[in-house]
Amino acid sequence: MSWGKVDWVYRFSPYKGAVFAVHVALADTANADYGWKIWFGQETIAEKARTTRQTVNKALQAMIDDGFLELLEDNSRRLRPNVYRMLYPEVPIVFDSGSVASDDTSVASGSDSVASGAATVVSGDTKPESNPKKPKESVSPGGDAPSRELVHLCELLADLVENDVGRKPKIKPIWYREMSLLLRRGPTDYEPAPINPDSVERLLRFVYEHRDADPNFSWAAQMRSPSGVRRNWVKAVAWAKKYRDQLEREERGDDENGWMDRSIRGEGS
């Protein structure tokens, strides 16, 4: 049990109803010792959240689209539970709860009121107003409309994900926020430094173009949202450089085992 993160969900989750119950159940399960990973089946999550498996399936996809959950391993074809990682955005956002409410009412009473309210950026020191008015949804750290380069990068990533998995993710405000943080501050596991938008585009295109390079692992599966790109940036760049060098060696014919192919073709050593 991870009370610190359960408290985070109670304070910042944008959901209500059964979807909120799923969010709480996942936060109650994940812990730092296992890198916030979750590998329970949907039936187990449904039992814990006191809802249905169908609602759990919808809730998981909504949380992935909104940047609160990351799919690490898709084991649906292996008839094993998928592996997810809980995400806790640096600047939590609460969207209009009506857009993510579930029709399923099989959840304990009282949870519907936890995340209801206007769309706003929430901090730990703020207190909800008694009758808040609904302002425009913030889509960037400064509260302004996203820049052209942010829109381009987010749409590019969404298109690449659609080509990869057959379903286009929804571009939520948190996408613009995380992409903006990537450009302004860099990845999450490295010394903060700005990143050129062209570098982001080149890496995304390379990663998705070569998503089948390793049959057992794909960086594309780890980078299906801007938060995933930030979190995996350093390792993905290192892999991209190494794999690019390998491709260049193979193209030149001077890779480690290239002499075998040349000998077979009678081209000498």
Protein backbone atom coordinates (compact mmCIF):
# COMPACT_ATOMS: atom_id res chain seq x y z
CA MET A 1 0.00 0.00 0.00
CA SER A 2 1.29 3.45 -0.91
CA TRP A 3 -0.59 6.01 1.15
CA GLY A 4 1.43 8.93 -0.19
CA LYS A 5 0.31 8.26 -3.75
CA VAL A 6 -3.24 7.40 -2.76
CA ASP A 7 -3.40 10.82 -1.14
CA TRP A 8 -2.04 12.31 -4.39
CA VAL A 9 -4.87 10.67 -6.33
CA TYR A 10 -7.49 11.91 -3.87
CA ARG A 11 -6.16 15.45 -4.27
CA PHE A 12 -5.41 15.59 -7.99
CA SER A 13 -7.25 12.84 -9.89
CA PRO A 14 -9.46 14.37 -12.62
CA TYR A 15 -11.90 11.47 -12.56
CA LYS A 16 -15.11 10.62 -10.75
CA GLY A 17 -17.30 7.60 -10.22
CA ALA A 18 -15.96 4.18 -11.12
CA VAL A 19 -13.02 5.61 -13.07
CA PHE A 20 -11.89 7.45 -9.94
CA ALA A 21 -12.25 4.20 -7.97
CA VAL A 22 -9.95 2.47 -10.47
CA HIS A 23 -7.41 5.30 -10.14
CA VAL A 24 -7.43 4.90 -6.34
CA ALA A 25 -7.16 1.10 -6.57
CA LEU A 26 -4.12 1.33 -8.83
CA ALA A 27 -2.42 3.91 -6.61
CA ASP A 28 -3.11 1.71 -3.60
CA THR A 29 -1.39 -1.19 -5.36
CA ALA A 30 1.67 0.46 -6.91
CA ASN A 31 4.73 1.31 -4.83
CA ALA A 32 8.21 2.74 -5.30
CA ASP A 33 9.93 -0.59 -4.56
CA TYR A 34 8.71 -1.91 -7.91
CA GLY A 35 9.03 1.35 -9.81
CA TRP A 36 5.28 2.06 -9.55
CA LYS A 37 4.61 -0.92 -11.82
CA ILE A 38 1.33 -2.85 -11.83
CA TRP A 39 0.69 -6.23 -13.40
CA PHE A 40 -2.68 -7.26 -11.99
CA GLY A 41 -5.36 -8.55 -14.35
CA GLN A 42 -8.44 -6.46 -15.08
CA GLU A 43 -10.66 -8.78 -13.06
CA THR A 44 -8.48 -8.23 -9.98
CA ILE A 45 -8.55 -4.47 -10.48
CA ALA A 46 -12.32 -4.55 -10.99
CA GLU A 47 -12.78 -6.46 -7.73
CA LYS A 48 -10.54 -4.02 -5.87
CA ALA A 49 -12.34 -0.98 -7.34
CA ARG A 50 -15.79 -2.61 -6.91
CA THR A 51 -16.72 -2.12 -10.53
CA THR A 52 -16.87 -4.12 -13.77
CA ARG A 53 -14.09 -5.37 -15.99
CA GLN A 54 -15.49 -3.38 -18.92
CA THR A 55 -15.26 -0.18 -16.88
CA VAL A 56 -11.71 -1.05 -15.84
CA ASN A 57 -10.75 -1.46 -19.49
CA LYS A 58 -12.18 1.98 -20.34
CA ALA A 59 -10.60 3.54 -17.26
CA LEU A 60 -7.14 2.18 -18.06
CA GLN A 61 -7.28 3.54 -21.60
CA ALA A 62 -8.49 6.93 -20.36
CA MET A 63 -5.65 7.11 -17.85
CA ILE A 64 -3.13 6.23 -20.56
CA ASP A 65 -4.55 8.89 -22.89
CA ASP A 66 -4.48 11.48 -20.09
CA GLY A 67 -0.90 10.74 -19.02
CA PHE A 68 -1.64 9.16 -15.63
CA LEU A 69 -0.72 5.60 -16.66
CA GLU A 70 1.86 4.07 -18.99
CA LEU A 71 1.56 0.71 -20.74
CA LEU A 72 4.92 -1.04 -20.43
CA GLU A 73 4.07 -4.51 -21.75
CA ASP A 74 1.05 -5.49 -23.82
CA ASN A 75 0.57 -9.17 -22.99
CA SER A 76 -2.98 -9.50 -24.32
CA ARG A 77 -1.88 -11.96 -26.99
CA ARG A 78 -0.02 -14.03 -24.39
CA LEU A 79 -3.10 -14.27 -22.17
CA ARG A 80 -1.19 -12.65 -19.32
CA PRO A 81 -1.87 -9.40 -17.45
CA ASN A 82 -0.43 -6.26 -19.02
CA VAL A 83 2.27 -4.37 -17.16
CA TYR A 84 1.57 -0.72 -16.40
CA ARG A 85 3.36 2.07 -14.57
CA MET A 86 1.56 4.70 -12.52
CA LEU A 87 2.43 8.27 -13.49
CA TYR A 88 2.19 11.32 -11.28
CA PRO A 89 2.61 14.47 -13.43
CA GLU A 90 4.86 17.19 -12.08
CA VAL A 91 2.04 19.74 -12.28
CA PRO A 92 -1.24 17.90 -11.70
CA ILE A 93 -4.17 19.01 -13.84
CA VAL A 94 -7.85 18.53 -13.11
CA PHE A 95 -9.98 18.46 -16.25
CA ASP A 96 -13.72 18.85 -16.45
CA SER A 97 -14.83 15.69 -14.70
CA GLY A 98 -17.86 15.35 -16.96
CA SER A 99 -15.62 14.35 -19.86
CA VAL A 100 -14.24 11.29 -18.11
CA ALA A 101 -17.18 10.15 -16.00
CA SER A 102 -18.18 6.52 -16.31
CA ASP A 103 -21.73 5.31 -16.83
CA ASP A 104 -20.99 2.54 -14.36
CA THR A 105 -22.44 3.41 -10.97
CA SER A 106 -21.23 0.29 -9.13
CA VAL A 107 -18.89 2.23 -6.85
CA ALA A 108 -19.14 3.31 -3.24
CA SER A 109 -21.11 6.51 -2.71
CA GLY A 110 -19.17 9.68 -2.06
CA SER A 111 -16.43 9.21 -4.64
CA ASP A 112 -18.41 11.11 -7.27
CA SER A 113 -17.81 14.34 -5.39
CA VAL A 114 -14.06 13.97 -5.02
CA ALA A 115 -12.99 15.14 -8.45
CA SER A 116 -16.02 17.13 -9.56
CA GLY A 117 -15.44 20.78 -10.28
CA ALA A 118 -14.00 23.13 -12.82
CA ALA A 119 -10.97 22.55 -14.95
CA THR A 120 -8.02 24.18 -13.26
CA VAL A 121 -4.41 23.69 -12.31
CA VAL A 122 -4.18 22.49 -8.73
CA SER A 123 -1.33 22.96 -6.31
CA GLY A 124 -0.86 21.56 -2.86
CA ASP A 125 -1.59 24.91 -1.20
CA THR A 126 -4.82 25.69 -3.01
CA LYS A 127 -8.28 25.11 -1.57
CA PRO A 128 -11.32 24.39 -3.72
CA GLU A 129 -13.80 27.21 -4.01
CA SER A 130 -17.33 26.61 -2.81
CA ASN A 131 -18.89 27.43 -6.19
CA PRO A 132 -16.02 27.60 -8.68
CA LYS A 133 -16.64 28.95 -12.13
CA LYS A 134 -15.44 26.92 -15.06
CA PRO A 135 -12.50 28.67 -16.74
CA LYS A 136 -10.90 27.73 -20.00
CA GLU A 137 -8.76 24.63 -19.83
CA SER A 138 -5.06 25.36 -19.46
CA VAL A 139 -2.98 23.65 -22.12
CA SER A 140 0.51 24.93 -21.35
CA PRO A 141 2.55 25.74 -18.22
CA GLY A 142 1.84 29.42 -18.69
CA GLY A 143 -1.86 28.89 -19.28
CA ASP A 144 -1.67 30.07 -22.89
CA ALA A 145 -2.64 28.23 -26.03
CA PRO A 146 0.02 25.73 -27.18
CA SER A 147 2.60 26.99 -29.63
CA ARG A 148 2.74 25.78 -33.20
CA GLU A 149 5.76 23.57 -32.47
CA LEU A 150 4.00 21.93 -29.49
CA VAL A 151 0.94 21.20 -31.61
CA HIS A 152 3.14 19.79 -34.38
CA LEU A 153 5.12 17.48 -32.06
CA CYS A 154 2.05 16.22 -30.22
CA GLU A 155 0.16 15.57 -33.45
CA LEU A 156 3.23 13.82 -34.87
CA LEU A 157 3.46 11.55 -31.83
CA ALA A 158 -0.28 10.81 -31.94
CA ASP A 159 -0.03 9.89 -35.66
CA LEU A 160 2.98 7.63 -35.01
CA VAL A 161 1.16 5.87 -32.18
CA GLU A 162 -1.88 5.38 -34.41
CA ASN A 163 0.25 3.84 -37.15
CA ASP A 164 1.85 1.56 -34.55
CA VAL A 165 -1.17 0.34 -32.56
CA GLY A 166 -4.12 1.22 -34.82
CA ARG A 167 -5.68 3.70 -32.40
CA LYS A 168 -4.98 7.41 -32.21
CA PRO A 169 -4.61 8.73 -28.65
CA LYS A 170 -6.44 11.85 -27.59
CA ILE A 171 -4.22 14.91 -27.31
CA LYS A 172 -5.04 16.23 -23.86
CA PRO A 173 -3.71 19.44 -22.27
CA ILE A 174 -1.26 17.33 -20.29
CA TRP A 175 0.35 16.31 -23.60
CA TYR A 176 1.19 19.93 -24.38
CA ARG A 177 2.41 20.47 -20.84
CA GLU A 178 4.76 17.46 -20.83
CA MET A 179 6.03 18.23 -24.34
CA SER A 180 6.68 21.81 -23.28
CA LEU A 181 8.58 20.59 -20.21
CA LEU A 182 10.67 18.32 -22.45
CA LEU A 183 11.64 21.22 -24.69
CA ARG A 184 12.29 23.67 -21.84
CA ARG A 185 13.78 21.42 -19.14
CA GLY A 186 14.78 18.23 -20.90
CA PRO A 187 14.11 14.63 -19.77
CA THR A 188 13.21 13.66 -16.23
CA ASP A 189 16.33 11.60 -15.52
CA TYR A 190 19.04 14.00 -16.69
CA GLU A 191 20.50 17.37 -15.86
CA PRO A 192 17.89 19.95 -16.92
CA ALA A 193 18.65 21.45 -20.32
CA PRO A 194 16.47 22.61 -23.23
CA ILE A 195 15.98 20.26 -26.18
CA ASN A 196 15.59 21.39 -29.76
CA PRO A 197 12.17 20.54 -31.26
CA ASP A 198 13.91 19.15 -34.36
CA SER A 199 15.75 16.65 -32.16
CA VAL A 200 12.45 15.51 -30.64
CA GLU A 201 10.92 15.01 -34.08
CA ARG A 202 13.95 13.12 -35.40
CA LEU A 203 14.05 10.79 -32.40
CA LEU A 204 10.32 10.06 -32.56
CA ARG A 205 10.47 9.27 -36.26
CA PHE A 206 13.55 7.06 -35.81
CA VAL A 207 12.10 5.17 -32.86
CA TYR A 208 8.82 4.41 -34.63
CA GLU A 209 10.47 3.66 -37.97
CA HIS A 210 12.62 1.02 -36.26
CA ARG A 211 10.08 -0.14 -33.69
CA ASP A 212 10.56 -3.78 -34.84
CA ALA A 213 14.35 -3.76 -34.50
CA ASP A 214 14.16 -5.92 -31.37
CA PRO A 215 11.43 -8.59 -31.27
CA ASN A 216 11.47 -8.57 -27.47
CA PHE A 217 11.43 -4.84 -26.78
CA SER A 218 10.30 -1.66 -28.47
CA TRP A 219 11.12 1.89 -27.47
CA ALA A 220 8.02 2.96 -29.37
CA ALA A 221 5.90 1.16 -26.77
CA GLN A 222 7.60 3.20 -24.05
CA MET A 223 7.10 6.55 -25.81
CA ARG A 224 3.39 6.78 -26.59
CA SER A 225 2.88 10.03 -24.73
CA PRO A 226 5.02 13.12 -24.08
CA SER A 227 5.53 12.02 -20.47
CA GLY A 228 6.83 8.69 -21.77
CA VAL A 229 9.16 10.54 -24.12
CA ARG A 230 10.54 12.65 -21.24
CA ARG A 231 11.03 9.66 -18.99
CA ASN A 232 12.80 7.49 -21.60
CA TRP A 233 14.62 10.20 -23.55
CA VAL A 234 18.19 9.50 -22.42
CA LYS A 235 18.05 5.74 -22.89
CA ALA A 236 16.17 6.00 -26.18
CA VAL A 237 18.72 8.45 -27.59
CA ALA A 238 21.56 6.12 -26.56
CA TRP A 239 19.79 3.19 -28.23
CA ALA A 240 19.07 5.23 -31.38
CA LYS A 241 22.74 6.20 -31.73
CA LYS A 242 23.93 2.64 -31.21
CA TYR A 243 21.39 1.19 -33.63
CA ARG A 244 22.11 3.88 -36.23
CA ASP A 245 25.82 3.04 -36.06
CA GLN A 246 24.97 -0.63 -36.48
CA LEU A 247 22.89 0.11 -39.56
CA GLU A 248 25.69 2.21 -41.04
CA ARG A 249 28.23 -0.56 -40.44
CA GLU A 250 25.97 -3.09 -42.10
CA GLU A 251 25.42 -0.77 -45.05
CA ARG A 252 29.17 -0.30 -45.49
CA GLY A 253 29.75 -4.01 -45.10
CA ASP A 254 32.28 -3.58 -42.29
CA ASP A 255 30.18 -4.93 -39.45
CA GLU A 256 31.65 -7.52 -37.14
CA ASN A 257 30.45 -10.49 -39.14
CA GLY A 258 30.40 -8.83 -42.54
CA TRP A 259 33.48 -10.76 -43.63
CA MET A 260 31.37 -13.92 -43.63
CA ASP A 261 28.91 -12.57 -46.16
CA ARG A 262 31.67 -11.15 -48.34
CA SER A 263 33.55 -14.46 -48.28
CA ILE A 264 30.44 -16.35 -49.28
CA ARG A 265 29.94 -13.97 -52.20
CA GLY A 266 33.60 -14.43 -53.20
CA GLU A 267 34.50 -10.81 -52.46
CA GLY A 268 37.50 -11.61 -50.29
CA SER A 269 38.05 -10.82 -46.62
